[in-house]
Structures are given as structure tokens and as C-alpha cells.
Protein backbone atom coordinates (compact mmCIF):
# COMPACT_ATOMS: atom_id res chain seq x y z
CA MET A 1 256.97 -69.19 276.71
CA SER A 2 253.19 -69.69 274.95
CA LYS A 3 250.41 -71.18 277.29
CA TYR A 4 248.30 -71.95 274.87
CA PRO A 5 249.69 -75.57 274.33
CA ALA A 6 249.22 -76.52 277.66
CA ILE A 7 245.71 -75.21 278.04
CA LYS A 8 245.17 -77.12 274.82
CA ALA A 9 246.65 -80.51 275.99
CA THR A 10 244.42 -79.92 279.26
CA LEU A 11 241.20 -79.59 277.19
CA LYS A 12 242.21 -82.47 274.68
CA GLU A 13 242.42 -84.68 277.51
CA ARG A 14 239.21 -83.77 279.15
CA LEU A 15 237.48 -83.73 275.86
CA LEU A 16 239.17 -87.49 275.08
CA SER A 17 237.95 -88.79 278.54
CA SER A 18 234.53 -87.48 277.58
CA ALA A 19 234.68 -84.83 280.33
CA TYR A 20 232.45 -82.65 278.53
CA PRO A 21 229.24 -83.53 277.49
CA GLU A 22 228.37 -83.95 273.27
CA ASN A 23 225.95 -81.82 273.49
CA GLU A 24 226.95 -79.15 276.21
CA PRO A 25 229.12 -76.26 274.83
CA LEU A 26 232.43 -76.17 276.20
CA PRO A 27 233.29 -73.29 279.41
CA SER A 28 233.32 -70.03 277.08
CA GLU A 29 236.70 -68.02 276.56
CA PRO A 30 236.45 -66.04 279.58
CA GLN A 31 235.84 -69.07 281.58
CA LEU A 32 238.55 -70.73 280.06
CA ALA A 33 240.81 -67.61 280.48
CA ARG A 34 240.14 -67.13 284.36
CA GLU A 35 240.51 -70.88 285.35
CA PHE A 36 244.10 -71.01 283.08
CA GLY A 37 245.17 -67.47 284.33
CA VAL A 38 245.49 -66.20 280.67
CA SER A 39 244.43 -63.66 278.45
CA ARG A 40 241.52 -64.22 276.45
CA MET A 41 243.13 -64.18 273.89
CA THR A 42 245.44 -67.34 274.58
CA ALA A 43 241.90 -69.09 275.69
CA ARG A 44 241.27 -68.68 272.12
CA ARG A 45 244.25 -69.59 270.06
CA ALA A 46 243.45 -73.45 272.18
CA LEU A 47 240.12 -73.30 271.27
CA ASP A 48 240.97 -72.69 267.76
CA GLU A 49 243.77 -75.26 266.88
CA LEU A 50 241.28 -77.87 268.74
CA ASP A 51 238.37 -76.47 266.24
CA ARG A 52 241.17 -76.88 263.38
CA GLU A 53 242.12 -80.39 264.56
CA GLY A 54 238.68 -81.68 264.53
CA TYR A 55 237.90 -81.86 268.52
CA VAL A 56 235.41 -79.41 268.88
CA TYR A 57 232.98 -77.44 266.71
CA ARG A 58 232.21 -73.26 266.99
CA VAL A 59 227.95 -72.24 266.96
CA GLN A 60 227.48 -68.76 266.32
CA GLY A 61 226.21 -67.41 269.08
CA ALA A 62 226.06 -70.40 271.07
CA GLY A 63 229.64 -71.35 272.17
CA THR A 64 231.92 -74.40 271.62
CA TYR A 65 231.20 -77.74 271.32
CA PRO A 66 232.74 -81.32 271.27
CA SER A 67 232.92 -83.29 268.31
CA GLY A 68 232.26 -85.98 269.77
CA LYS A 69 235.14 -89.35 269.62
CA ARG A 70 236.84 -89.27 266.67
CA PHE A 71 236.89 -91.75 263.86
CA GLN A 72 237.73 -95.00 265.35
CA GLN A 73 239.30 -97.74 262.93
CA GLY A 74 239.81 -101.19 264.29
CA THR A 75 241.71 -102.63 267.41
CA PHE A 76 245.02 -102.81 268.87
CA GLN A 77 246.84 -104.05 271.90
CA VAL A 78 249.94 -103.26 273.99
CA ARG A 79 252.35 -105.44 275.38
CA LEU A 80 251.16 -106.43 278.98
CA PHE A 81 253.67 -104.78 281.91
CA ALA A 82 254.26 -108.02 283.27
CA ASP A 83 255.87 -108.66 280.26
CA TRP A 84 258.08 -106.07 279.27
CA SER A 85 259.11 -106.05 282.79
CA ARG A 86 260.56 -109.53 283.10
CA HIS A 87 262.01 -109.54 279.76
CA PRO A 88 266.23 -109.10 280.36
CA ASP A 89 266.22 -107.09 277.48
CA LYS A 90 263.74 -104.90 279.58
CA ARG A 91 263.84 -102.26 281.82
CA VAL A 92 261.92 -100.04 283.65
CA GLU A 93 262.47 -97.19 285.85
CA VAL A 94 260.15 -95.31 288.73
CA LEU A 95 260.47 -91.85 287.84
CA ARG A 96 257.80 -90.71 290.47
CA ALA A 97 254.70 -92.47 292.65
CA GLU A 98 253.48 -90.72 295.25
CA ARG A 99 249.68 -89.76 296.45
CA LEU A 100 248.27 -86.67 295.82
CA LEU A 101 245.21 -84.62 295.48
CA ALA A 102 243.36 -84.08 292.53
CA THR A 103 243.60 -80.57 290.67
CA PRO A 104 240.46 -79.72 288.56
CA ASP A 105 241.96 -81.08 285.55
CA ILE A 106 242.58 -84.86 287.26
CA ALA A 107 239.07 -84.72 288.75
CA ALA A 108 237.80 -83.74 286.16
CA VAL A 109 239.09 -86.79 284.19
CA LEU A 110 238.27 -89.22 286.63
CA HIS A 111 234.77 -87.71 287.63
CA LEU A 112 236.12 -86.98 291.33
CA GLN A 113 236.46 -83.72 293.51
CA PRO A 114 239.07 -81.36 293.11
CA GLY A 115 241.42 -81.95 296.31
CA ASP A 116 240.02 -85.27 296.32
CA PRO A 117 242.38 -87.99 297.12
CA VAL A 118 244.48 -90.07 293.88
CA MET A 119 247.50 -91.94 293.79
CA PHE A 120 250.00 -90.87 290.64
CA VAL A 121 252.97 -93.51 289.13
CA HIS A 122 254.40 -91.67 286.40
CA ARG A 123 257.25 -94.66 284.82
CA LEU A 124 259.70 -95.11 282.41
CA ARG A 125 260.36 -97.85 279.64
CA ALA A 126 263.54 -98.53 278.16
CA ASP A 127 264.76 -101.12 276.10
CA LYS A 128 268.56 -102.09 276.21
CA THR A 129 269.87 -98.66 275.01
CA ASP A 130 267.01 -96.56 275.10
CA PRO A 131 264.05 -94.85 276.37
CA VAL A 132 261.10 -95.90 274.73
CA VAL A 133 257.89 -95.75 276.23
CA ILE A 134 256.49 -92.71 279.23
CA GLU A 135 253.92 -94.19 281.21
CA LYS A 136 251.40 -91.33 283.39
CA ARG A 137 248.74 -92.73 285.45
CA TYR A 138 246.63 -91.56 288.17
CA VAL A 139 244.38 -93.86 290.04
CA ASP A 140 241.22 -93.21 292.34
CA ALA A 141 243.08 -93.34 296.24
CA GLU A 142 239.77 -95.11 297.14
CA VAL A 143 240.44 -98.15 295.32
CA LEU A 144 244.07 -98.97 295.24
CA PRO A 145 245.00 -97.53 298.64
CA ASP A 146 248.17 -99.30 299.12
CA LEU A 147 248.99 -98.36 295.49
CA LEU A 148 252.49 -97.15 296.67
CA GLU A 149 253.28 -100.13 298.81
CA HIS A 150 253.80 -102.90 296.31
CA ASP A 151 257.10 -102.58 294.05
CA LEU A 152 256.46 -100.53 291.13
CA VAL A 153 259.57 -101.33 288.84
CA SER A 154 257.72 -104.83 288.63
CA VAL A 155 253.95 -104.73 288.94
CA SER A 156 251.34 -103.81 286.72
CA VAL A 157 249.20 -101.29 288.15
CA HIS A 158 246.07 -102.40 285.82
CA ASP A 159 246.78 -106.50 286.79
CA LEU A 160 246.77 -104.78 290.93
CA LEU A 161 243.54 -103.11 290.37
CA ALA A 162 241.75 -105.84 288.98
CA SER A 163 243.32 -108.44 291.65
CA GLN A 164 241.23 -106.31 294.47
CA THR A 165 237.58 -107.72 294.12
CA ARG A 166 235.76 -104.07 296.27
CA VAL A 167 235.58 -102.95 292.88
CA PRO A 168 235.28 -105.18 289.88
CA LEU A 169 236.51 -103.85 286.48
CA THR A 170 234.10 -103.79 283.88
CA ARG A 171 236.18 -102.57 280.63
CA VAL A 172 238.41 -100.48 279.00
CA GLU A 173 238.86 -97.33 276.50
CA GLN A 174 241.59 -97.06 274.69
CA HIS A 175 241.95 -93.92 272.58
CA LEU A 176 244.87 -94.15 269.76
CA GLU A 177 246.56 -90.95 268.22
CA THR A 178 249.57 -89.19 266.77
CA VAL A 179 250.89 -86.15 268.62
CA ASN A 180 254.37 -84.03 268.21
CA LEU A 181 256.32 -84.39 271.74
CA ARG A 182 256.86 -81.43 274.29
CA GLN A 183 260.32 -80.65 276.46
CA GLU A 184 259.27 -82.92 278.80
CA GLU A 185 258.35 -86.00 277.17
CA ALA A 186 260.61 -85.45 274.67
CA GLN A 187 264.10 -84.87 276.53
CA LEU A 188 262.75 -88.61 278.84
CA LEU A 189 262.86 -90.07 274.82
CA ARG A 190 265.91 -88.71 274.62
CA VAL A 191 264.53 -87.31 270.93
CA PRO A 192 264.00 -83.85 269.47
CA LEU A 193 261.35 -81.36 270.47
CA GLY A 194 258.44 -81.67 268.40
CA THR A 195 259.35 -85.70 267.17
CA ALA A 196 256.44 -87.44 265.88
CA ALA A 197 254.97 -89.93 268.85
CA PHE A 198 251.72 -92.58 269.84
CA LEU A 199 249.69 -90.92 272.80
CA MET A 200 247.80 -93.83 273.78
CA ARG A 201 245.01 -92.61 276.36
CA ARG A 202 243.26 -95.42 278.77
CA THR A 203 240.45 -95.15 280.88
CA VAL A 204 239.97 -98.19 283.03
CA TYR A 205 236.14 -98.41 284.53
CA SER A 206 233.58 -99.81 287.37
CA SER A 207 230.71 -100.12 285.66
CA GLU A 208 230.66 -96.26 285.26
CA ARG A 209 233.21 -94.85 287.93
CA ARG A 210 235.96 -93.97 286.42
CA VAL A 211 239.07 -95.78 288.94
CA SER A 212 242.63 -95.15 286.50
CA TYR A 213 243.68 -92.63 283.69
CA VAL A 214 246.75 -93.53 282.21
CA ASN A 215 248.83 -91.64 279.43
CA TYR A 216 251.56 -93.85 277.10
CA TRP A 217 253.90 -91.40 274.89
CA ILE A 218 255.26 -94.02 272.26
CA ARG A 219 258.82 -93.65 270.39
CA SER A 220 257.09 -94.34 266.63
CA ASP A 221 260.34 -95.32 265.58
CA ARG A 222 260.19 -98.03 268.18
CA PHE A 223 257.00 -98.97 267.73
CA THR A 224 254.17 -100.64 265.14
CA PHE A 225 250.54 -101.47 265.72
CA GLN A 226 249.25 -104.39 263.74
CA GLU A 227 245.91 -106.40 264.10
CA ARG A 228 244.83 -109.41 262.82
CA PHE A 229 240.84 -110.66 261.49
CA THR A 230 238.62 -112.30 259.07
CA PRO A 231 237.29 -110.34 256.43
């Protein structure tokens, strides 16, 4: 199986989280090939697709550069986890929750060093009949060291972060896009491989410190996003 989709997904996460400065080139194809243990051709294909989708641009003889955040339109909100977990027709399943050592990818997203401790929470939200939202969250373990002691079926991780006062939260950045589901996400949501879904990426900050990063894969046939505003 080709490795370029996984490399593309990792690079896209780094780009969306501003892990690569906009005025500096990305690692070269040989550097990416060494990092991911693939051929230079595989690394090039991942960059080619990111270029085609508008995430990067190439400068002849100078390298590949981030194109900046994609065009943003409007604002949106998602239903609070606490509201979901309390609803009688909704349920939450904790697929995995543990303390990990940050991989280079996660370290880049959270501005940590590889090997620094992070908390990982993987949950699945479902309604009466179908799974509808996948959550994969990484939290700086220094900020919330007791996370795993809480009942993660019913407790909002964001609320836990907001309730601790040592590292006050100052802002949240969200990005919403459509993606075609890969095998893991498609199986969890019980839909065919390649089905279109929403992918929401959320980064929580304390000043310029990144304390949490989460991906939500959301079934597009079960959710809509809307906003009301005064023209």
C-alpha cells in the first residue's frame, strides 16, 4: 500500500496548525523521504497533491512554501460535549486514553520536543443507531496531568482545561474542511471507504502556548453547520 496518503495527511496537519512558518520552505523531498522512510518519489507525490489542493506552492530553485491559511468564510459552532454526553439518545465510547511520548508530528503541532509527555484521548460519539463523530485529542501533559483520572465518557476535556487556572486558556482556533475518509475513520463511522466527511481541527492556546490539539471527523450526512448574522 502506498505511503503517500499518510505523509500528505501529516504534512497537511502541520500546515494547518502553522507548524511550518509561511515565509520559510518546507523540508526538501530528500529530507521528507528520510523522515518518513520512503522514496523521494513518494515524498514528491505527497507534495504534488498538497500543491494541487492549494496548501503549498513551489518556487523554482527555492523549494516548497506554505500558501498560508486557506480562505475562511463565516464562523461556526459545534455542540458542546457535555450536552451530547447528557442526552438520553446519545452515547460516547472511549476507544483509547493514555499518556504517550510525543512523536515528531505531534511535537510539531503542540510546539513540544519529541518525547515530551502528552495525553491522548480517542473517543467515538454516536446517536441512537449510528456512530457520527470521531475525536482524536492530544493535550500537553504538563497542563492537565490528571486527565486520565476523570470519567472521559461524560467529562469534556475542554472544560477540564478551562477549569484549571495555572495555564489560563486565551483562544481557540478552528478549521473546517471536507475530506474523504481513510480506512480507519470509515470503519469507525460505518461508511464506505472514501466517503466525504467534515474534518474539524481545533487548537487551544494559552497566550502563544499550544495546550491541546484535536481532530474531529464528522459524518456529513448527519450534520450541518449554520450561522445567523446581521448584514
